[in-house]
Amino acid sequence: MQAFTVTVTGAGELQVQLLAAQEEGEEHAEELDEGPSPIAPELHELAWGVGSFVVFLVLVRLVFYPRLKRGMDARRDLIHSQLEQAERTRGDAEAEVAQYQAKLAEVRAEASKRIDAARQLLDQERQARLGEVNARIAEKRAAAVAEIEAAKEAARGQIVDAAADVAAAATRRVLGRPVDPGAAKAAAEAALTAGVAS
């Protein structure tokens, strides 16, 4: 190994001097005295690392993992039981809905029957009342027609008498002699009968 020294002179020049090689024993001494390696671990550090890993592995395998597995199993069982409970509840709800739909259909059918029966009863009552009302109307109409006919007959007799009196008075004036009241009445009645017939 060669060494050199650098010195600066007063004029600003650099002066380099090579030094002579020292003894070879000193070089070997310097090479052997490098200290511990930063990459290779010491044996006691390696022993502590392996021992800590084994203790941690034993703790994990014997203590932490069983607890974790029990917790995971309990959670899985809880989830499964909740899912089964939800399925049972859903099945019960679907059964109740089906029962409700069946009862609703029965109630609707019963209501429809009752409505039809009530409609038929009301129709029968309406027909009966209409018959009664029509019968009363027919009776009243017949009574009114009878009254009208009676009034007509009564008025006809008066009209025939009045017409006979007017005809007799007119004939007396025209002819200048009195007319038989029975003949005048018969003529007035014949004229009224001919007028009604036409």
N, C-alpha and C. Protein backbone atom coordinates (compact mmCIF):
# COMPACT_ATOMS: atom_id res chain seq x y z
N MET A 1 0.85 -1.17 0.00
CA MET A 1 0.00 0.00 0.00
C MET A 1 0.89 1.22 0.00
N GLN A 2 0.58 2.17 -0.83
CA GLN A 2 1.41 3.37 -0.93
C GLN A 2 0.69 4.54 -0.31
N ALA A 3 1.47 5.46 0.30
CA ALA A 3 0.89 6.64 0.93
C ALA A 3 1.53 7.86 0.30
N PHE A 4 0.87 8.93 0.36
CA PHE A 4 1.42 10.18 -0.17
C PHE A 4 0.92 11.31 0.70
N THR A 5 1.67 12.43 0.63
CA THR A 5 1.31 13.63 1.39
C THR A 5 1.22 14.78 0.43
N VAL A 6 0.34 15.69 0.70
CA VAL A 6 0.13 16.87 -0.14
C VAL A 6 0.41 18.07 0.76
N THR A 7 1.27 18.97 0.28
CA THR A 7 1.55 20.20 1.04
C THR A 7 1.40 21.38 0.11
N VAL A 8 1.00 22.49 0.66
CA VAL A 8 0.81 23.73 -0.13
C VAL A 8 1.98 24.65 0.22
N THR A 9 2.65 25.14 -0.82
CA THR A 9 3.78 26.04 -0.63
C THR A 9 3.27 27.47 -0.55
N GLY A 10 4.11 28.39 -0.20
CA GLY A 10 3.74 29.79 -0.07
C GLY A 10 3.36 30.41 -1.38
N ALA A 11 3.83 29.97 -2.49
CA ALA A 11 3.52 30.56 -3.78
C ALA A 11 2.22 30.00 -4.34
N GLY A 12 1.46 29.17 -3.61
CA GLY A 12 0.20 28.61 -4.07
C GLY A 12 0.38 27.36 -4.87
N GLU A 13 1.54 26.69 -4.76
CA GLU A 13 1.74 25.47 -5.51
C GLU A 13 1.51 24.28 -4.60
N LEU A 14 1.07 23.21 -5.20
CA LEU A 14 0.84 21.97 -4.46
C LEU A 14 2.09 21.09 -4.62
N GLN A 15 2.43 20.48 -3.54
CA GLN A 15 3.59 19.62 -3.61
C GLN A 15 3.16 18.23 -3.12
N VAL A 16 3.32 17.20 -3.95
CA VAL A 16 2.87 15.85 -3.64
C VAL A 16 4.14 15.01 -3.42
N GLN A 17 4.11 14.24 -2.33
CA GLN A 17 5.25 13.37 -2.04
C GLN A 17 4.73 11.97 -1.76
N LEU A 18 5.38 11.03 -2.40
CA LEU A 18 5.01 9.64 -2.17
C LEU A 18 5.86 9.14 -1.01
N LEU A 19 5.17 8.44 -0.14
CA LEU A 19 5.88 7.89 1.02
C LEU A 19 6.25 6.44 0.74
N ALA A 20 7.17 5.98 1.34
CA ALA A 20 7.62 4.60 1.12
C ALA A 20 6.69 3.65 1.84
N ALA A 21 6.57 2.48 1.33
CA ALA A 21 5.69 1.46 1.91
C ALA A 21 6.23 1.05 3.25
N GLN A 22 5.29 0.86 4.15
CA GLN A 22 5.68 0.46 5.50
C GLN A 22 5.76 -1.06 5.54
N GLU A 23 5.98 -1.54 6.62
CA GLU A 23 6.19 -2.97 6.75
C GLU A 23 4.89 -3.71 6.45
N GLU A 24 5.06 -4.87 5.97
CA GLU A 24 3.89 -5.65 5.55
C GLU A 24 3.12 -6.14 6.75
N GLY A 25 3.62 -6.28 7.85
CA GLY A 25 2.94 -6.72 9.06
C GLY A 25 1.92 -5.71 9.53
N GLU A 26 2.29 -4.46 9.36
CA GLU A 26 1.32 -3.43 9.76
C GLU A 26 0.08 -3.48 8.87
N GLU A 27 0.27 -3.74 7.60
CA GLU A 27 -0.91 -3.81 6.70
C GLU A 27 -1.83 -4.93 7.15
N HIS A 28 -1.28 -6.05 7.46
CA HIS A 28 -2.13 -7.16 7.87
C HIS A 28 -2.82 -6.86 9.18
N ALA A 29 -2.18 -6.15 10.04
CA ALA A 29 -2.79 -5.78 11.33
C ALA A 29 -3.98 -4.88 11.09
N GLU A 30 -3.81 -3.94 10.16
CA GLU A 30 -4.93 -3.03 9.87
C GLU A 30 -6.08 -3.79 9.22
N GLU A 31 -5.80 -4.74 8.35
CA GLU A 31 -6.86 -5.48 7.68
C GLU A 31 -7.60 -6.38 8.66
N LEU A 32 -6.98 -7.00 9.64
CA LEU A 32 -7.62 -7.89 10.59
C LEU A 32 -8.43 -7.12 11.61
N ASP A 33 -8.18 -5.92 11.87
CA ASP A 33 -8.86 -5.15 12.91
C ASP A 33 -10.01 -4.33 12.30
N GLU A 34 -10.95 -5.00 11.65
CA GLU A 34 -12.07 -4.26 11.03
C GLU A 34 -13.28 -4.16 11.96
N GLY A 35 -13.47 -4.90 12.99
CA GLY A 35 -14.61 -4.85 13.91
C GLY A 35 -15.71 -5.81 13.50
N PRO A 36 -16.88 -5.75 14.17
CA PRO A 36 -17.99 -6.68 13.86
C PRO A 36 -18.65 -6.36 12.52
N SER A 37 -19.19 -7.38 11.88
CA SER A 37 -19.84 -7.19 10.57
C SER A 37 -21.24 -6.63 10.80
N PRO A 38 -21.61 -5.62 10.03
CA PRO A 38 -22.97 -5.05 10.20
C PRO A 38 -24.05 -5.96 9.61
N ILE A 39 -23.70 -6.95 8.80
CA ILE A 39 -24.70 -7.80 8.15
C ILE A 39 -24.89 -9.10 8.91
N ALA A 40 -23.84 -9.78 9.31
CA ALA A 40 -23.94 -11.07 9.98
C ALA A 40 -24.27 -10.86 11.44
N PRO A 41 -25.38 -11.50 11.93
CA PRO A 41 -25.75 -11.32 13.34
C PRO A 41 -24.83 -12.13 14.25
N GLU A 42 -24.80 -11.71 15.46
CA GLU A 42 -24.02 -12.42 16.49
C GLU A 42 -24.81 -13.66 16.91
N LEU A 43 -24.14 -14.61 17.48
CA LEU A 43 -24.77 -15.86 17.86
C LEU A 43 -25.79 -15.65 18.97
N HIS A 44 -25.50 -14.83 19.95
CA HIS A 44 -26.46 -14.62 21.04
C HIS A 44 -27.70 -13.86 20.53
N GLU A 45 -27.52 -12.95 19.53
CA GLU A 45 -28.69 -12.26 18.95
C GLU A 45 -29.56 -13.25 18.19
N LEU A 46 -28.91 -14.15 17.49
CA LEU A 46 -29.65 -15.17 16.75
C LEU A 46 -30.41 -16.08 17.72
N ALA A 47 -29.77 -16.44 18.84
CA ALA A 47 -30.42 -17.29 19.84
C ALA A 47 -31.62 -16.57 20.44
N TRP A 48 -31.50 -15.31 20.79
CA TRP A 48 -32.63 -14.53 21.35
C TRP A 48 -33.77 -14.41 20.31
N GLY A 49 -33.44 -14.16 19.06
CA GLY A 49 -34.48 -14.05 18.02
C GLY A 49 -35.23 -15.35 17.84
N VAL A 50 -34.49 -16.47 17.76
CA VAL A 50 -35.14 -17.78 17.59
C VAL A 50 -35.95 -18.12 18.84
N GLY A 51 -35.43 -17.85 20.02
CA GLY A 51 -36.16 -18.12 21.26
C GLY A 51 -37.44 -17.30 21.35
N SER A 52 -37.36 -16.02 21.01
CA SER A 52 -38.57 -15.16 21.04
C SER A 52 -39.60 -15.67 20.04
N PHE A 53 -39.14 -16.08 18.85
CA PHE A 53 -40.06 -16.57 17.83
C PHE A 53 -40.76 -17.85 18.30
N VAL A 54 -39.99 -18.75 18.93
CA VAL A 54 -40.57 -20.00 19.43
C VAL A 54 -41.58 -19.71 20.53
N VAL A 55 -41.25 -18.80 21.46
CA VAL A 55 -42.19 -18.45 22.54
C VAL A 55 -43.45 -17.83 21.95
N PHE A 56 -43.29 -16.92 20.99
CA PHE A 56 -44.45 -16.27 20.36
C PHE A 56 -45.28 -17.30 19.60
N LEU A 57 -44.58 -18.25 18.91
CA LEU A 57 -45.29 -19.29 18.17
C LEU A 57 -46.08 -20.18 19.12
N VAL A 58 -45.51 -20.54 20.25
CA VAL A 58 -46.20 -21.36 21.23
C VAL A 58 -47.40 -20.61 21.80
N LEU A 59 -47.21 -19.32 22.14
CA LEU A 59 -48.32 -18.50 22.65
C LEU A 59 -49.45 -18.40 21.63
N VAL A 60 -49.09 -18.17 20.38
CA VAL A 60 -50.12 -18.04 19.34
C VAL A 60 -50.83 -19.36 19.16
N ARG A 61 -50.07 -20.47 19.06
CA ARG A 61 -50.67 -21.78 18.77
C ARG A 61 -51.50 -22.28 19.93
N LEU A 62 -51.02 -22.10 21.16
CA LEU A 62 -51.69 -22.68 22.32
C LEU A 62 -52.69 -21.73 22.99
N VAL A 63 -52.51 -20.42 22.87
CA VAL A 63 -53.38 -19.49 23.61
C VAL A 63 -54.24 -18.66 22.67
N PHE A 64 -53.60 -17.91 21.79
CA PHE A 64 -54.35 -16.94 20.98
C PHE A 64 -55.19 -17.61 19.89
N TYR A 65 -54.65 -18.59 19.19
CA TYR A 65 -55.38 -19.22 18.09
C TYR A 65 -56.64 -19.94 18.58
N PRO A 66 -56.56 -20.74 19.68
CA PRO A 66 -57.80 -21.38 20.15
C PRO A 66 -58.88 -20.36 20.53
N ARG A 67 -58.47 -19.28 21.19
CA ARG A 67 -59.45 -18.24 21.53
C ARG A 67 -60.04 -17.62 20.27
N LEU A 68 -59.18 -17.30 19.31
CA LEU A 68 -59.65 -16.72 18.06
C LEU A 68 -60.57 -17.69 17.32
N LYS A 69 -60.19 -18.99 17.31
CA LYS A 69 -61.02 -20.00 16.63
C LYS A 69 -62.37 -20.13 17.32
N ARG A 70 -62.38 -20.15 18.68
CA ARG A 70 -63.65 -20.23 19.41
C ARG A 70 -64.53 -19.01 19.10
N GLY A 71 -63.93 -17.84 19.05
CA GLY A 71 -64.69 -16.63 18.72
C GLY A 71 -65.26 -16.68 17.30
N MET A 72 -64.42 -17.14 16.37
CA MET A 72 -64.89 -17.24 14.98
C MET A 72 -65.99 -18.29 14.85
N ASP A 73 -65.82 -19.45 15.55
CA ASP A 73 -66.85 -20.49 15.51
C ASP A 73 -68.15 -19.99 16.13
N ALA A 74 -68.02 -19.28 17.27
CA ALA A 74 -69.23 -18.75 17.92
C ALA A 74 -69.92 -17.74 17.02
N ARG A 75 -69.15 -16.90 16.36
CA ARG A 75 -69.75 -15.91 15.44
C ARG A 75 -70.41 -16.62 14.26
N ARG A 76 -69.74 -17.65 13.70
CA ARG A 76 -70.33 -18.39 12.59
C ARG A 76 -71.62 -19.08 13.02
N ASP A 77 -71.60 -19.71 14.22
CA ASP A 77 -72.81 -20.37 14.73
C ASP A 77 -73.92 -19.36 14.96
N LEU A 78 -73.59 -18.19 15.48
CA LEU A 78 -74.58 -17.14 15.71
C LEU A 78 -75.20 -16.68 14.39
N ILE A 79 -74.35 -16.48 13.39
CA ILE A 79 -74.85 -16.04 12.08
C ILE A 79 -75.76 -17.11 11.47
N HIS A 80 -75.33 -18.39 11.58
CA HIS A 80 -76.16 -19.48 11.05
C HIS A 80 -77.48 -19.58 11.78
N SER A 81 -77.44 -19.45 13.11
CA SER A 81 -78.70 -19.53 13.87
C SER A 81 -79.60 -18.34 13.54
N GLN A 82 -79.02 -17.16 13.36
CA GLN A 82 -79.84 -16.01 12.98
C GLN A 82 -80.43 -16.18 11.59
N LEU A 83 -79.64 -16.74 10.66
CA LEU A 83 -80.17 -17.00 9.32
C LEU A 83 -81.30 -18.02 9.36
N GLU A 84 -81.12 -19.10 10.16
CA GLU A 84 -82.19 -20.10 10.29
C GLU A 84 -83.43 -19.49 10.92
N GLN A 85 -83.23 -18.66 11.95
CA GLN A 85 -84.37 -17.97 12.59
C GLN A 85 -85.07 -17.06 11.60
N ALA A 86 -84.29 -16.35 10.77
CA ALA A 86 -84.88 -15.48 9.76
C ALA A 86 -85.67 -16.29 8.73
N GLU A 87 -85.14 -17.45 8.33
CA GLU A 87 -85.86 -18.31 7.38
C GLU A 87 -87.15 -18.83 8.00
N ARG A 88 -87.08 -19.24 9.28
CA ARG A 88 -88.30 -19.71 9.95
C ARG A 88 -89.32 -18.57 10.05
N THR A 89 -88.85 -17.39 10.43
CA THR A 89 -89.76 -16.24 10.53
C THR A 89 -90.37 -15.91 9.18
N ARG A 90 -89.54 -15.98 8.15
CA ARG A 90 -90.05 -15.70 6.80
C ARG A 90 -91.08 -16.73 6.38
N GLY A 91 -90.79 -18.01 6.65
CA GLY A 91 -91.75 -19.07 6.34
C GLY A 91 -93.06 -18.88 7.10
N ASP A 92 -92.94 -18.53 8.41
CA ASP A 92 -94.15 -18.27 9.20
C ASP A 92 -94.94 -17.10 8.64
N ALA A 93 -94.22 -16.05 8.25
CA ALA A 93 -94.89 -14.87 7.69
C ALA A 93 -95.58 -15.21 6.37
N GLU A 94 -94.91 -16.02 5.53
CA GLU A 94 -95.54 -16.41 4.26
C GLU A 94 -96.77 -17.27 4.52
N ALA A 95 -96.69 -18.17 5.52
CA ALA A 95 -97.85 -18.99 5.86
C ALA A 95 -99.00 -18.12 6.36
N GLU A 96 -98.68 -17.13 7.21
CA GLU A 96 -99.72 -16.23 7.71
C GLU A 96 -100.33 -15.41 6.58
N VAL A 97 -99.49 -14.97 5.64
CA VAL A 97 -100.02 -14.23 4.50
C VAL A 97 -100.94 -15.11 3.67
N ALA A 98 -100.55 -16.37 3.46
CA ALA A 98 -101.40 -17.29 2.70
C ALA A 98 -102.71 -17.53 3.43
N GLN A 99 -102.65 -17.70 4.77
CA GLN A 99 -103.87 -17.85 5.56
C GLN A 99 -104.74 -16.62 5.45
N TYR A 100 -104.11 -15.46 5.55
CA TYR A 100 -104.86 -14.20 5.44
C TYR A 100 -105.52 -14.09 4.07
N GLN A 101 -104.79 -14.45 3.01
CA GLN A 101 -105.36 -14.38 1.66
C GLN A 101 -106.54 -15.34 1.54
N ALA A 102 -106.41 -16.55 2.11
CA ALA A 102 -107.51 -17.52 2.05
C ALA A 102 -108.73 -17.01 2.80
N LYS A 103 -108.50 -16.48 4.01
CA LYS A 103 -109.63 -15.94 4.78
C LYS A 103 -110.24 -14.74 4.07
N LEU A 104 -109.41 -13.92 3.48
CA LEU A 104 -109.92 -12.77 2.74
C LEU A 104 -110.77 -13.22 1.56
N ALA A 105 -110.33 -14.28 0.87
CA ALA A 105 -111.13 -14.80 -0.24
C ALA A 105 -112.46 -15.34 0.27
N GLU A 106 -112.44 -16.06 1.43
CA GLU A 106 -113.68 -16.55 2.00
C GLU A 106 -114.62 -15.40 2.37
N VAL A 107 -114.06 -14.38 3.01
CA VAL A 107 -114.88 -13.23 3.41
C VAL A 107 -115.45 -12.54 2.18
N ARG A 108 -114.64 -12.39 1.14
CA ARG A 108 -115.14 -11.76 -0.08
C ARG A 108 -116.26 -12.59 -0.71
N ALA A 109 -116.07 -13.93 -0.73
CA ALA A 109 -117.11 -14.79 -1.28
C ALA A 109 -118.39 -14.68 -0.46
N GLU A 110 -118.25 -14.69 0.87
CA GLU A 110 -119.42 -14.56 1.74
C GLU A 110 -120.09 -13.20 1.55
N ALA A 111 -119.28 -12.16 1.45
CA ALA A 111 -119.84 -10.82 1.23
C ALA A 111 -120.57 -10.76 -0.11
N SER A 112 -119.99 -11.39 -1.12
CA SER A 112 -120.63 -11.41 -2.44
C SER A 112 -121.97 -12.15 -2.37
N LYS A 113 -121.99 -13.30 -1.65
CA LYS A 113 -123.25 -14.03 -1.49
C LYS A 113 -124.28 -13.17 -0.77
N ARG A 114 -123.87 -12.52 0.31
CA ARG A 114 -124.82 -11.68 1.06
C ARG A 114 -125.31 -10.52 0.22
N ILE A 115 -124.41 -9.92 -0.55
CA ILE A 115 -124.82 -8.81 -1.40
C ILE A 115 -125.81 -9.29 -2.45
N ASP A 116 -125.55 -10.47 -3.03
CA ASP A 116 -126.48 -11.03 -4.03
C ASP A 116 -127.83 -11.33 -3.39
N ALA A 117 -127.80 -11.93 -2.17
CA ALA A 117 -129.05 -12.24 -1.48
C ALA A 117 -129.82 -10.96 -1.15
N ALA A 118 -129.09 -9.95 -0.66
CA ALA A 118 -129.74 -8.67 -0.34
C ALA A 118 -130.29 -8.02 -1.60
N ARG A 119 -129.53 -8.12 -2.70
CA ARG A 119 -129.99 -7.54 -3.96
C ARG A 119 -131.27 -8.25 -4.43
N GLN A 120 -131.30 -9.60 -4.32
CA GLN A 120 -132.49 -10.34 -4.72
C GLN A 120 -133.68 -9.99 -3.82
N LEU A 121 -133.42 -9.89 -2.51
CA LEU A 121 -134.49 -9.53 -1.58
C LEU A 121 -135.03 -8.14 -1.90
N LEU A 122 -134.12 -7.20 -2.13
CA LEU A 122 -134.56 -5.84 -2.47
C LEU A 122 -135.32 -5.83 -3.79
N ASP A 123 -134.87 -6.64 -4.74
CA ASP A 123 -135.56 -6.70 -6.02
C ASP A 123 -136.97 -7.28 -5.83
N GLN A 124 -137.07 -8.33 -4.99
CA GLN A 124 -138.40 -8.90 -4.73
C GLN A 124 -139.30 -7.89 -4.03
N GLU A 125 -138.73 -7.20 -3.02
CA GLU A 125 -139.52 -6.18 -2.31
C GLU A 125 -139.94 -5.06 -3.27
N ARG A 126 -139.01 -4.65 -4.13
CA ARG A 126 -139.33 -3.59 -5.08
C ARG A 126 -140.44 -4.04 -6.03
N GLN A 127 -140.33 -5.30 -6.51
CA GLN A 127 -141.37 -5.81 -7.40
C GLN A 127 -142.72 -5.88 -6.67
N ALA A 128 -142.68 -6.34 -5.40
CA ALA A 128 -143.92 -6.43 -4.62
C ALA A 128 -144.52 -5.04 -4.41
N ARG A 129 -143.67 -4.09 -4.06
CA ARG A 129 -144.17 -2.73 -3.85
C ARG A 129 -144.67 -2.12 -5.14
N LEU A 130 -143.91 -2.39 -6.23
CA LEU A 130 -144.37 -1.88 -7.53
C LEU A 130 -145.74 -2.48 -7.88
N GLY A 131 -145.91 -3.77 -7.58
CA GLY A 131 -147.22 -4.40 -7.82
C GLY A 131 -148.31 -3.74 -7.00
N GLU A 132 -147.96 -3.50 -5.68
CA GLU A 132 -148.94 -2.84 -4.81
C GLU A 132 -149.28 -1.44 -5.32
N VAL A 133 -148.22 -0.70 -5.67
CA VAL A 133 -148.44 0.67 -6.15
C VAL A 133 -149.22 0.66 -7.45
N ASN A 134 -148.87 -0.27 -8.35
CA ASN A 134 -149.61 -0.36 -9.63
C ASN A 134 -151.07 -0.74 -9.37
N ALA A 135 -151.29 -1.65 -8.40
CA ALA A 135 -152.67 -2.02 -8.07
C ALA A 135 -153.44 -0.83 -7.51
N ARG A 136 -152.77 -0.06 -6.60
CA ARG A 136 -153.44 1.14 -6.06
C ARG A 136 -153.70 2.16 -7.15
N ILE A 137 -152.70 2.31 -8.03
CA ILE A 137 -152.88 3.26 -9.14
C ILE A 137 -154.03 2.81 -10.04
N ALA A 138 -154.09 1.49 -10.30
CA ALA A 138 -155.18 0.97 -11.15
C ALA A 138 -156.53 1.19 -10.47
N GLU A 139 -156.56 0.94 -9.14
CA GLU A 139 -157.81 1.18 -8.41
C GLU A 139 -158.21 2.65 -8.48
N LYS A 140 -157.21 3.52 -8.23
CA LYS A 140 -157.52 4.96 -8.25
C LYS A 140 -157.92 5.39 -9.66
N ARG A 141 -157.21 4.83 -10.67
CA ARG A 141 -157.56 5.16 -12.05
C ARG A 141 -158.99 4.70 -12.37
N ALA A 142 -159.29 3.47 -11.94
CA ALA A 142 -160.65 2.97 -12.19
C ALA A 142 -161.67 3.83 -11.46
N ALA A 143 -161.34 4.20 -10.20
CA ALA A 143 -162.26 5.06 -9.46
C ALA A 143 -162.38 6.41 -10.13
N ALA A 144 -161.21 6.95 -10.62
CA ALA A 144 -161.27 8.25 -11.30
C ALA A 144 -162.07 8.16 -12.59
N VAL A 145 -161.87 7.03 -13.34
CA VAL A 145 -162.64 6.85 -14.59
C VAL A 145 -164.13 6.74 -14.27
N ALA A 146 -164.45 5.99 -13.18
CA ALA A 146 -165.85 5.86 -12.78
C ALA A 146 -166.42 7.21 -12.39
N GLU A 147 -165.60 7.99 -11.64
CA GLU A 147 -166.08 9.32 -11.26
C GLU A 147 -166.28 10.20 -12.48
N ILE A 148 -165.30 10.10 -13.43
CA ILE A 148 -165.42 10.91 -14.65
C ILE A 148 -166.66 10.49 -15.43
N GLU A 149 -166.87 9.17 -15.52
CA GLU A 149 -168.06 8.70 -16.25
C GLU A 149 -169.32 9.15 -15.53
N ALA A 150 -169.32 9.08 -14.20
CA ALA A 150 -170.49 9.54 -13.45
C ALA A 150 -170.70 11.02 -13.64
N ALA A 151 -169.56 11.76 -13.62
CA ALA A 151 -169.67 13.21 -13.83
C ALA A 151 -170.15 13.51 -15.24
N LYS A 152 -169.64 12.69 -16.21
CA LYS A 152 -170.08 12.90 -17.59
C LYS A 152 -171.59 12.63 -17.72
N GLU A 153 -172.00 11.50 -17.06
CA GLU A 153 -173.43 11.17 -17.13
C GLU A 153 -174.25 12.26 -16.46
N ALA A 154 -173.77 12.74 -15.33
CA ALA A 154 -174.51 13.81 -14.65
C ALA A 154 -174.51 15.07 -15.49
N ALA A 155 -173.37 15.40 -16.05
CA ALA A 155 -173.29 16.59 -16.89
C ALA A 155 -174.09 16.39 -18.18
N ARG A 156 -174.09 15.17 -18.68
CA ARG A 156 -174.84 14.91 -19.92
C ARG A 156 -176.34 15.13 -19.71
N GLY A 157 -176.81 14.62 -18.57
CA GLY A 157 -178.23 14.85 -18.28
C GLY A 157 -178.55 16.33 -18.21
N GLN A 158 -177.64 17.08 -17.55
CA GLN A 158 -177.86 18.53 -17.44
C GLN A 158 -177.76 19.20 -18.81
N ILE A 159 -176.74 18.72 -19.61
CA ILE A 159 -176.56 19.29 -20.96
C ILE A 159 -177.78 18.99 -21.83
N VAL A 160 -178.28 17.75 -21.73
CA VAL A 160 -179.45 17.37 -22.53
C VAL A 160 -180.66 18.22 -22.12
N ASP A 161 -180.82 18.41 -20.79
CA ASP A 161 -181.94 19.23 -20.32
C ASP A 161 -181.78 20.68 -20.77
N ALA A 162 -180.50 21.20 -20.67
CA ALA A 162 -180.28 22.59 -21.08
C ALA A 162 -180.47 22.73 -22.59
N ALA A 163 -179.95 21.74 -23.35
CA ALA A 163 -180.09 21.79 -24.81
C ALA A 163 -181.55 21.68 -25.21
N ALA A 164 -182.32 20.83 -24.50
CA ALA A 164 -183.75 20.68 -24.81
C ALA A 164 -184.48 21.98 -24.53
N ASP A 165 -184.11 22.64 -23.40
CA ASP A 165 -184.74 23.93 -23.07
C ASP A 165 -184.40 24.97 -24.13
N VAL A 166 -183.12 25.03 -24.54
CA VAL A 166 -182.70 26.02 -25.55
C VAL A 166 -183.38 25.72 -26.89
N ALA A 167 -183.42 24.40 -27.27
CA ALA A 167 -184.05 24.03 -28.54
C ALA A 167 -185.55 24.35 -28.52
N ALA A 168 -186.19 24.07 -27.40
CA ALA A 168 -187.63 24.36 -27.30
C ALA A 168 -187.87 25.84 -27.38
N ALA A 169 -187.04 26.63 -26.70
CA ALA A 169 -187.22 28.09 -26.73
C ALA A 169 -186.94 28.63 -28.12
N ALA A 170 -185.91 28.07 -28.80
CA ALA A 170 -185.59 28.56 -30.15
C ALA A 170 -186.68 28.16 -31.12
N THR A 171 -187.21 26.96 -30.98
CA THR A 171 -188.27 26.50 -31.87
C THR A 171 -189.55 27.28 -31.61
N ARG A 172 -189.84 27.61 -30.39
CA ARG A 172 -191.00 28.42 -30.07
C ARG A 172 -190.88 29.78 -30.70
N ARG A 173 -189.78 30.35 -30.69
CA ARG A 173 -189.59 31.67 -31.28
C ARG A 173 -189.67 31.58 -32.79
N VAL A 174 -189.05 30.54 -33.34
CA VAL A 174 -189.06 30.44 -34.79
C VAL A 174 -190.48 30.08 -35.27
N LEU A 175 -191.09 29.10 -34.65
CA LEU A 175 -192.39 28.64 -35.11
C LEU A 175 -193.53 29.45 -34.49
N GLY A 176 -193.31 29.99 -33.43
CA GLY A 176 -194.31 30.79 -32.74
C GLY A 176 -195.28 29.93 -31.95
N ARG A 177 -195.08 28.76 -31.77
CA ARG A 177 -195.93 27.90 -30.97
C ARG A 177 -195.07 27.06 -30.05
N PRO A 178 -195.58 26.55 -28.95
CA PRO A 178 -194.79 25.79 -28.02
C PRO A 178 -194.51 24.40 -28.56
N VAL A 179 -193.32 23.84 -28.15
CA VAL A 179 -192.84 22.54 -28.59
C VAL A 179 -192.96 21.59 -27.39
N ASP A 180 -193.21 20.33 -27.75
CA ASP A 180 -193.32 19.31 -26.70
C ASP A 180 -191.94 19.15 -26.05
N PRO A 181 -191.82 19.29 -24.71
CA PRO A 181 -190.53 19.19 -24.06
C PRO A 181 -189.92 17.79 -24.22
N GLY A 182 -190.65 16.72 -24.28
CA GLY A 182 -190.11 15.37 -24.46
C GLY A 182 -189.47 15.22 -25.83
N ALA A 183 -190.14 15.81 -26.88
CA ALA A 183 -189.58 15.74 -28.22
C ALA A 183 -188.29 16.55 -28.30
N ALA A 184 -188.27 17.72 -27.66
CA ALA A 184 -187.07 18.55 -27.64
C ALA A 184 -185.94 17.83 -26.93
N LYS A 185 -186.26 17.14 -25.84
CA LYS A 185 -185.25 16.41 -25.08
C LYS A 185 -184.70 15.26 -25.92
N ALA A 186 -185.57 14.53 -26.65
CA ALA A 186 -185.13 13.42 -27.49
C ALA A 186 -184.25 13.92 -28.62
N ALA A 187 -184.61 15.07 -29.23
CA ALA A 187 -183.79 15.63 -30.31
C ALA A 187 -182.43 16.06 -29.80
N ALA A 188 -182.38 16.68 -28.62
CA ALA A 188 -181.10 17.11 -28.03
C ALA A 188 -180.23 15.91 -27.68
N GLU A 189 -180.87 14.83 -27.19
CA GLU A 189 -180.12 13.64 -26.83
C GLU A 189 -179.58 12.96 -28.09
N ALA A 190 -180.37 12.94 -29.15
CA ALA A 190 -179.90 12.35 -30.41
C ALA A 190 -178.77 13.16 -31.00
N ALA A 191 -178.84 14.49 -30.90
CA ALA A 191 -177.75 15.35 -31.41
C ALA A 191 -176.46 15.14 -30.61
N LEU A 192 -176.57 15.03 -29.30
CA LEU A 192 -175.40 14.80 -28.46
C LEU A 192 -174.80 13.42 -28.74
N THR A 193 -175.62 12.41 -28.93
CA THR A 193 -175.13 11.07 -29.21
C THR A 193 -174.43 11.03 -30.55
N ALA A 194 -174.99 11.73 -31.56
CA ALA A 194 -174.36 11.79 -32.87
C ALA A 194 -173.05 12.55 -32.78
N GLY A 195 -172.96 13.60 -31.98
CA GLY A 195 -171.72 14.38 -31.82
C GLY A 195 -170.64 13.58 -31.11
N VAL A 196 -171.00 12.76 -30.13
CA VAL A 196 -170.04 11.94 -29.39
C VAL A 196 -169.53 10.83 -30.28
N ALA A 197 -170.42 10.26 -31.09
CA ALA A 197 -170.03 9.16 -31.96
C ALA A 197 -169.08 9.63 -33.04
N SER A 198 -169.25 10.82 -33.57
CA SER A 198 -168.37 11.32 -34.59
C SER A 198 -167.08 11.78 -33.96
